[in-house]
N, C-alpha and C. Protein backbone atom coordinates (compact mmCIF):
# COMPACT_ATOMS: atom_id res chain seq x y z
N GLN A 1 -7.97 -24.79 -12.19
CA GLN A 1 -6.94 -23.58 -11.43
C GLN A 1 -7.96 -22.76 -12.33
N VAL A 2 -7.48 -20.91 -11.64
CA VAL A 2 -7.56 -19.58 -12.49
C VAL A 2 -6.47 -18.62 -11.75
N GLN A 3 -6.27 -18.67 -13.00
CA GLN A 3 -5.29 -17.07 -13.23
C GLN A 3 -5.65 -15.69 -13.71
N LEU A 4 -5.24 -15.06 -12.85
CA LEU A 4 -5.78 -13.37 -12.55
C LEU A 4 -4.58 -12.50 -13.84
N VAL A 5 -5.11 -12.03 -13.67
CA VAL A 5 -4.28 -10.47 -14.80
C VAL A 5 -4.95 -9.10 -14.88
N GLU A 6 -4.55 -8.42 -13.65
CA GLU A 6 -5.07 -6.58 -13.73
C GLU A 6 -4.58 -5.98 -14.66
N SER A 7 -5.56 -4.80 -15.20
CA SER A 7 -4.50 -3.67 -15.95
C SER A 7 -5.96 -2.91 -15.79
N GLY A 8 -5.40 -1.31 -16.42
CA GLY A 8 -6.25 -0.47 -16.52
C GLY A 8 -5.85 0.88 -15.74
N GLY A 9 -4.51 0.54 -14.76
CA GLY A 9 -4.78 0.92 -13.20
C GLY A 9 -3.87 2.36 -14.51
N GLY A 10 -3.13 3.68 -13.08
CA GLY A 10 -2.66 4.74 -14.45
C GLY A 10 -2.90 6.09 -12.87
N LEU A 11 -2.32 7.16 -13.72
CA LEU A 11 -2.32 7.66 -12.86
C LEU A 11 -3.70 8.95 -12.90
N VAL A 12 -4.79 9.43 -12.53
CA VAL A 12 -5.27 10.51 -13.19
C VAL A 12 -5.73 11.36 -11.80
N GLN A 13 -6.33 12.24 -12.97
CA GLN A 13 -6.73 13.32 -12.03
C GLN A 13 -7.86 13.33 -11.10
N PRO A 14 -7.93 14.27 -9.97
CA PRO A 14 -9.56 14.14 -9.07
C PRO A 14 -11.07 14.51 -10.44
N GLY A 15 -11.60 13.41 -9.99
CA GLY A 15 -12.48 13.54 -11.15
C GLY A 15 -12.89 13.15 -11.67
N GLY A 16 -11.18 12.07 -12.40
CA GLY A 16 -11.38 12.13 -13.69
C GLY A 16 -11.94 10.02 -13.68
N SER A 17 -11.48 9.48 -14.73
CA SER A 17 -11.98 7.95 -15.03
C SER A 17 -10.99 7.57 -14.70
N LEU A 18 -11.55 5.71 -14.62
CA LEU A 18 -10.51 4.62 -15.06
C LEU A 18 -10.95 3.31 -14.99
N ARG A 19 -10.69 2.84 -15.84
CA ARG A 19 -11.21 1.08 -16.58
C ARG A 19 -10.60 0.33 -15.99
N LEU A 20 -10.66 -0.83 -15.02
CA LEU A 20 -9.84 -1.65 -14.43
C LEU A 20 -10.23 -2.70 -15.31
N SER A 21 -9.42 -4.00 -15.54
CA SER A 21 -9.79 -4.99 -16.18
C SER A 21 -9.03 -6.08 -15.26
N CYS A 22 -10.12 -7.35 -15.14
CA CYS A 22 -9.54 -8.31 -14.19
C CYS A 22 -9.75 -9.85 -16.18
N ALA A 23 -8.95 -9.80 -16.58
CA ALA A 23 -8.47 -10.93 -17.18
C ALA A 23 -8.67 -12.11 -16.59
N ALA A 24 -8.70 -13.33 -17.33
CA ALA A 24 -8.59 -14.62 -16.10
C ALA A 24 -8.51 -15.81 -17.24
N SER A 25 -7.89 -17.12 -17.59
CA SER A 25 -7.50 -17.73 -17.84
C SER A 25 -7.93 -19.11 -16.98
N GLY A 26 -8.39 -19.76 -18.00
CA GLY A 26 -8.52 -21.20 -16.77
C GLY A 26 -10.32 -21.62 -18.05
N ASN A 27 -10.56 -22.67 -16.95
CA ASN A 27 -11.94 -22.91 -17.50
C ASN A 27 -13.15 -23.06 -16.34
N ALA A 28 -14.27 -22.87 -16.96
CA ALA A 28 -15.84 -22.79 -16.41
C ALA A 28 -15.39 -21.44 -15.78
N PHE A 29 -14.74 -20.12 -16.26
CA PHE A 29 -14.62 -18.67 -15.41
C PHE A 29 -16.09 -18.55 -14.80
N SER A 30 -17.49 -18.68 -15.74
CA SER A 30 -18.45 -18.26 -15.20
C SER A 30 -18.71 -18.48 -13.76
N ILE A 31 -18.82 -19.24 -13.65
CA ILE A 31 -19.19 -19.92 -11.86
C ILE A 31 -18.13 -19.03 -10.85
N TYR A 32 -17.74 -18.78 -10.89
CA TYR A 32 -16.80 -17.51 -10.35
C TYR A 32 -17.60 -16.93 -9.89
N ALA A 33 -17.85 -16.38 -8.54
CA ALA A 33 -17.46 -15.11 -8.30
C ALA A 33 -16.65 -14.16 -7.70
N ILE A 34 -16.58 -13.12 -8.67
CA ILE A 34 -14.95 -11.87 -8.70
C ILE A 34 -15.52 -10.84 -7.82
N PHE A 35 -14.92 -10.63 -7.73
CA PHE A 35 -14.81 -9.67 -6.12
C PHE A 35 -13.22 -8.89 -6.52
N TRP A 36 -13.51 -7.34 -6.37
CA TRP A 36 -12.51 -6.25 -6.25
C TRP A 36 -12.14 -5.48 -5.09
N TYR A 37 -10.38 -6.02 -4.36
CA TYR A 37 -9.96 -5.28 -3.26
C TYR A 37 -9.24 -4.35 -3.14
N ARG A 38 -8.97 -3.68 -2.68
CA ARG A 38 -8.15 -2.69 -3.11
C ARG A 38 -7.24 -1.85 -1.39
N GLN A 39 -5.67 -1.93 -1.59
CA GLN A 39 -5.36 -1.52 -0.27
C GLN A 39 -4.09 -0.64 -0.78
N ALA A 40 -4.73 0.70 0.06
CA ALA A 40 -3.71 1.26 0.05
C ALA A 40 -2.17 1.77 1.28
N PRO A 41 -1.51 2.64 0.88
CA PRO A 41 -0.11 2.14 1.93
C PRO A 41 -0.65 2.27 2.90
N GLY A 42 -0.11 1.27 3.90
CA GLY A 42 -0.54 2.20 5.40
C GLY A 42 -1.56 1.29 5.79
N LYS A 43 -2.83 1.30 5.18
CA LYS A 43 -4.24 0.04 5.27
C LYS A 43 -4.47 -0.81 4.95
N GLN A 44 -5.63 -1.37 5.89
CA GLN A 44 -5.52 -2.40 5.04
C GLN A 44 -6.61 -3.04 4.34
N ARG A 45 -6.45 -3.85 3.29
CA ARG A 45 -6.78 -4.21 2.09
C ARG A 45 -8.74 -4.82 2.40
N GLU A 46 -9.49 -3.52 1.65
CA GLU A 46 -10.44 -3.23 1.49
C GLU A 46 -11.31 -3.89 0.76
N TRP A 47 -12.50 -4.51 0.62
CA TRP A 47 -13.19 -4.78 -0.38
C TRP A 47 -14.18 -3.73 -1.01
N VAL A 48 -13.95 -3.64 -2.92
CA VAL A 48 -14.80 -3.00 -3.14
C VAL A 48 -15.79 -2.90 -3.95
N ALA A 49 -15.88 -4.47 -4.58
CA ALA A 49 -17.19 -4.65 -5.08
C ALA A 49 -16.82 -6.02 -5.74
N SER A 50 -18.18 -6.65 -6.11
CA SER A 50 -18.31 -7.97 -6.44
C SER A 50 -19.61 -8.11 -7.21
N ILE A 51 -19.02 -8.94 -8.15
CA ILE A 51 -20.50 -9.65 -8.81
C ILE A 51 -20.31 -11.25 -9.28
N SER A 52 -21.84 -11.81 -8.95
CA SER A 52 -21.69 -13.17 -8.62
C SER A 52 -21.87 -13.63 -10.12
N SER A 53 -21.32 -14.54 -9.88
CA SER A 53 -22.02 -15.43 -11.69
C SER A 53 -23.15 -14.88 -12.52
N SER A 54 -24.57 -14.63 -11.61
CA SER A 54 -25.56 -15.02 -12.26
C SER A 54 -25.22 -13.02 -12.54
N GLY A 55 -24.43 -12.77 -12.18
CA GLY A 55 -24.45 -11.10 -12.67
C GLY A 55 -24.98 -10.57 -11.52
N SER A 56 -25.03 -10.31 -9.89
CA SER A 56 -25.50 -9.82 -9.38
C SER A 56 -24.81 -8.85 -9.06
N THR A 57 -24.80 -7.25 -8.83
CA THR A 57 -23.48 -6.56 -8.02
C THR A 57 -23.23 -6.32 -6.91
N TYR A 58 -22.46 -5.89 -6.35
CA TYR A 58 -22.05 -4.82 -4.48
C TYR A 58 -21.26 -4.62 -4.39
N TYR A 59 -21.60 -3.37 -3.93
CA TYR A 59 -20.77 -2.12 -3.69
C TYR A 59 -19.91 -1.69 -2.38
N THR A 60 -19.19 -1.49 -1.75
CA THR A 60 -18.60 -0.84 -0.61
C THR A 60 -19.45 0.74 -0.34
N ASP A 61 -19.96 0.97 0.57
CA ASP A 61 -20.80 2.30 0.45
C ASP A 61 -19.64 3.52 -0.42
N SER A 62 -18.49 3.06 -0.06
CA SER A 62 -18.02 4.40 -0.79
C SER A 62 -17.61 4.41 -1.68
N VAL A 63 -17.75 4.27 -2.38
CA VAL A 63 -17.83 3.72 -3.75
C VAL A 63 -19.40 4.12 -4.70
N LYS A 64 -20.94 3.40 -3.84
CA LYS A 64 -21.23 3.52 -4.57
C LYS A 64 -21.82 4.59 -5.27
N GLY A 65 -22.58 4.49 -7.09
CA GLY A 65 -22.89 5.87 -7.29
C GLY A 65 -21.49 6.37 -8.28
N ARG A 66 -20.30 5.61 -8.16
CA ARG A 66 -19.46 5.67 -9.22
C ARG A 66 -18.24 5.36 -9.09
N PHE A 67 -18.58 3.82 -8.73
CA PHE A 67 -17.96 2.75 -9.24
C PHE A 67 -18.80 1.83 -9.86
N THR A 68 -18.66 0.90 -11.32
CA THR A 68 -19.63 -0.08 -11.37
C THR A 68 -18.66 -1.45 -12.00
N ILE A 69 -19.34 -2.53 -12.13
CA ILE A 69 -18.37 -3.55 -12.02
C ILE A 69 -19.62 -4.29 -13.39
N SER A 70 -18.01 -4.77 -14.11
CA SER A 70 -19.45 -6.28 -14.74
C SER A 70 -18.75 -6.91 -15.33
N ARG A 71 -19.24 -7.97 -15.56
CA ARG A 71 -18.32 -8.88 -16.80
C ARG A 71 -18.79 -9.72 -17.61
N ASP A 72 -17.87 -10.06 -18.71
CA ASP A 72 -18.50 -10.66 -19.62
C ASP A 72 -17.42 -12.57 -19.65
N ASN A 73 -18.67 -13.23 -20.15
CA ASN A 73 -17.95 -14.24 -19.53
C ASN A 73 -17.33 -14.56 -20.76
N ALA A 74 -17.95 -14.12 -21.88
CA ALA A 74 -17.14 -14.57 -23.55
C ALA A 74 -15.88 -15.01 -23.25
N LYS A 75 -15.38 -13.31 -22.92
CA LYS A 75 -14.32 -13.17 -22.33
C LYS A 75 -13.10 -12.95 -21.49
N ASN A 76 -14.50 -13.68 -20.63
CA ASN A 76 -13.59 -14.57 -19.65
C ASN A 76 -12.84 -13.01 -18.73
N THR A 77 -13.92 -11.99 -19.08
CA THR A 77 -12.95 -10.93 -18.18
C THR A 77 -14.05 -10.26 -16.67
N VAL A 78 -13.60 -9.29 -15.94
CA VAL A 78 -14.22 -8.63 -15.33
C VAL A 78 -13.76 -7.59 -14.65
N ASP A 79 -14.77 -6.06 -15.52
CA ASP A 79 -14.64 -4.72 -15.23
C ASP A 79 -14.81 -4.21 -14.33
N LEU A 80 -13.91 -3.14 -13.50
CA LEU A 80 -14.49 -1.97 -12.71
C LEU A 80 -13.85 -0.66 -13.10
N GLN A 81 -15.63 0.00 -13.84
CA GLN A 81 -15.98 1.46 -13.84
C GLN A 81 -15.39 2.10 -12.94
N MET A 82 -14.28 3.26 -13.46
CA MET A 82 -14.08 4.29 -11.71
C MET A 82 -14.28 5.76 -12.22
N ASN A 83 -15.88 5.66 -12.26
CA ASN A 83 -15.77 7.61 -11.97
C ASN A 83 -15.58 8.44 -10.98
N SER A 84 -14.90 9.40 -11.01
CA SER A 84 -15.34 11.06 -9.70
C SER A 84 -14.30 10.05 -9.40
N LEU A 85 -13.53 9.88 -9.85
CA LEU A 85 -12.26 9.34 -8.88
C LEU A 85 -12.24 10.58 -7.44
N LYS A 86 -11.28 9.92 -6.80
CA LYS A 86 -11.06 10.95 -5.37
C LYS A 86 -9.65 10.57 -5.59
N PRO A 87 -9.19 11.25 -3.96
CA PRO A 87 -7.49 11.12 -4.08
C PRO A 87 -7.79 9.56 -2.64
N GLU A 88 -8.43 9.26 -2.09
CA GLU A 88 -8.84 8.28 -1.42
C GLU A 88 -9.01 7.58 -1.91
N ASP A 89 -9.11 6.86 -3.33
CA ASP A 89 -9.50 6.01 -4.19
C ASP A 89 -7.88 5.14 -4.46
N THR A 90 -7.05 6.07 -3.82
CA THR A 90 -5.84 5.81 -4.21
C THR A 90 -5.82 4.62 -3.42
N ALA A 91 -4.86 3.67 -4.43
CA ALA A 91 -4.65 2.22 -4.23
C ALA A 91 -4.15 1.56 -4.88
N VAL A 92 -3.60 0.10 -4.74
CA VAL A 92 -3.46 -1.30 -5.46
C VAL A 92 -4.42 -2.01 -5.25
N TYR A 93 -5.24 -2.45 -6.88
CA TYR A 93 -6.06 -2.83 -6.73
C TYR A 93 -6.34 -4.18 -7.86
N SER A 94 -6.93 -5.04 -7.02
CA SER A 94 -6.50 -6.85 -6.87
C SER A 94 -8.36 -7.49 -7.27
N CYS A 95 -7.98 -8.47 -7.91
CA CYS A 95 -9.34 -8.75 -8.73
C CYS A 95 -8.90 -10.50 -7.38
N ASN A 96 -10.06 -10.76 -7.09
CA ASN A 96 -10.17 -12.35 -6.38
C ASN A 96 -10.92 -13.07 -7.00
N ALA A 97 -10.82 -14.12 -7.64
CA ALA A 97 -12.09 -15.27 -7.45
C ALA A 97 -12.78 -16.03 -6.78
N ARG A 98 -13.44 -16.64 -6.55
CA ARG A 98 -13.94 -17.67 -5.53
C ARG A 98 -14.83 -19.21 -6.35
N ASN A 99 -14.28 -19.79 -6.48
CA ASN A 99 -15.90 -20.93 -6.67
C ASN A 99 -16.73 -20.54 -6.42
N PRO A 100 -17.80 -21.67 -6.20
CA PRO A 100 -19.63 -21.64 -5.44
C PRO A 100 -19.31 -21.38 -4.78
N SER A 101 -18.75 -22.77 -4.51
CA SER A 101 -18.58 -22.93 -2.52
C SER A 101 -18.08 -22.58 -2.04
N MET A 102 -17.00 -21.20 -1.95
CA MET A 102 -16.10 -20.84 -1.17
C MET A 102 -14.91 -21.69 -0.45
N THR A 103 -14.23 -22.53 -1.59
CA THR A 103 -13.32 -22.83 -1.25
C THR A 103 -12.35 -23.13 -1.16
N ARG A 104 -12.34 -22.24 -2.89
CA ARG A 104 -11.01 -22.07 -3.58
C ARG A 104 -11.20 -20.50 -3.52
N ALA A 105 -9.97 -19.43 -4.09
CA ALA A 105 -9.63 -18.68 -3.97
C ALA A 105 -8.71 -18.38 -4.91
N TYR A 106 -8.41 -17.23 -6.04
CA TYR A 106 -7.28 -16.80 -6.69
C TYR A 106 -7.16 -15.35 -6.51
N TRP A 107 -5.92 -14.89 -7.30
CA TRP A 107 -5.77 -13.41 -7.08
C TRP A 107 -5.05 -13.35 -8.06
N GLY A 108 -4.26 -11.82 -8.63
CA GLY A 108 -4.00 -11.45 -9.49
C GLY A 108 -3.04 -10.27 -8.68
N GLN A 109 -2.17 -10.02 -9.49
CA GLN A 109 -1.07 -9.11 -8.97
C GLN A 109 -1.57 -7.63 -9.16
N GLY A 110 -2.42 -7.43 -8.65
CA GLY A 110 -3.05 -5.72 -8.74
C GLY A 110 -2.50 -5.00 -9.58
N THR A 111 -3.37 -3.54 -10.21
CA THR A 111 -2.88 -2.91 -10.64
C THR A 111 -2.92 -1.39 -9.84
N GLN A 112 -1.82 -0.57 -9.91
CA GLN A 112 -1.84 0.65 -9.36
C GLN A 112 -2.48 1.74 -9.37
N VAL A 113 -3.17 2.59 -8.64
CA VAL A 113 -4.50 3.15 -9.23
C VAL A 113 -3.85 4.83 -8.67
N THR A 114 -3.46 5.81 -8.72
CA THR A 114 -3.17 7.31 -8.38
C THR A 114 -3.96 7.98 -8.55
N VAL A 115 -5.05 8.69 -7.84
CA VAL A 115 -5.92 10.57 -8.07
C VAL A 115 -4.52 11.15 -6.93
N SER A 116 -4.33 11.91 -8.00
CA SER A 116 -3.24 13.74 -7.70
C SER A 116 -3.50 14.44 -8.89
N SER A 117 -3.76 15.49 -8.33
CA SER A 117 -3.34 16.69 -9.52
C SER A 117 -1.87 16.87 -8.83
């Protein structure tokens, strides 16, 4: 069982930065792949970025070059550094953990990111 708690959301002006964190409790965090998703009002949830257990990273095209995902297995955390934020990045951001066989998935409660002047 893995419990996830996101933090770091808030209100930021266009062009600004935020750093989201996903903190996990439970055993064997290092074997889980971690995914960040976001959902804007009236839109479907979309995948943003992910990091494998070995540290390989993947990004959706709209955030490449602006967002960076990283993990610290000693602290059981995965961070999402978001730079050059745009109004279209406004959404609730949630992290998701999946076991190696992808048969189990766990979600956090989400954190609101609002990009507005």
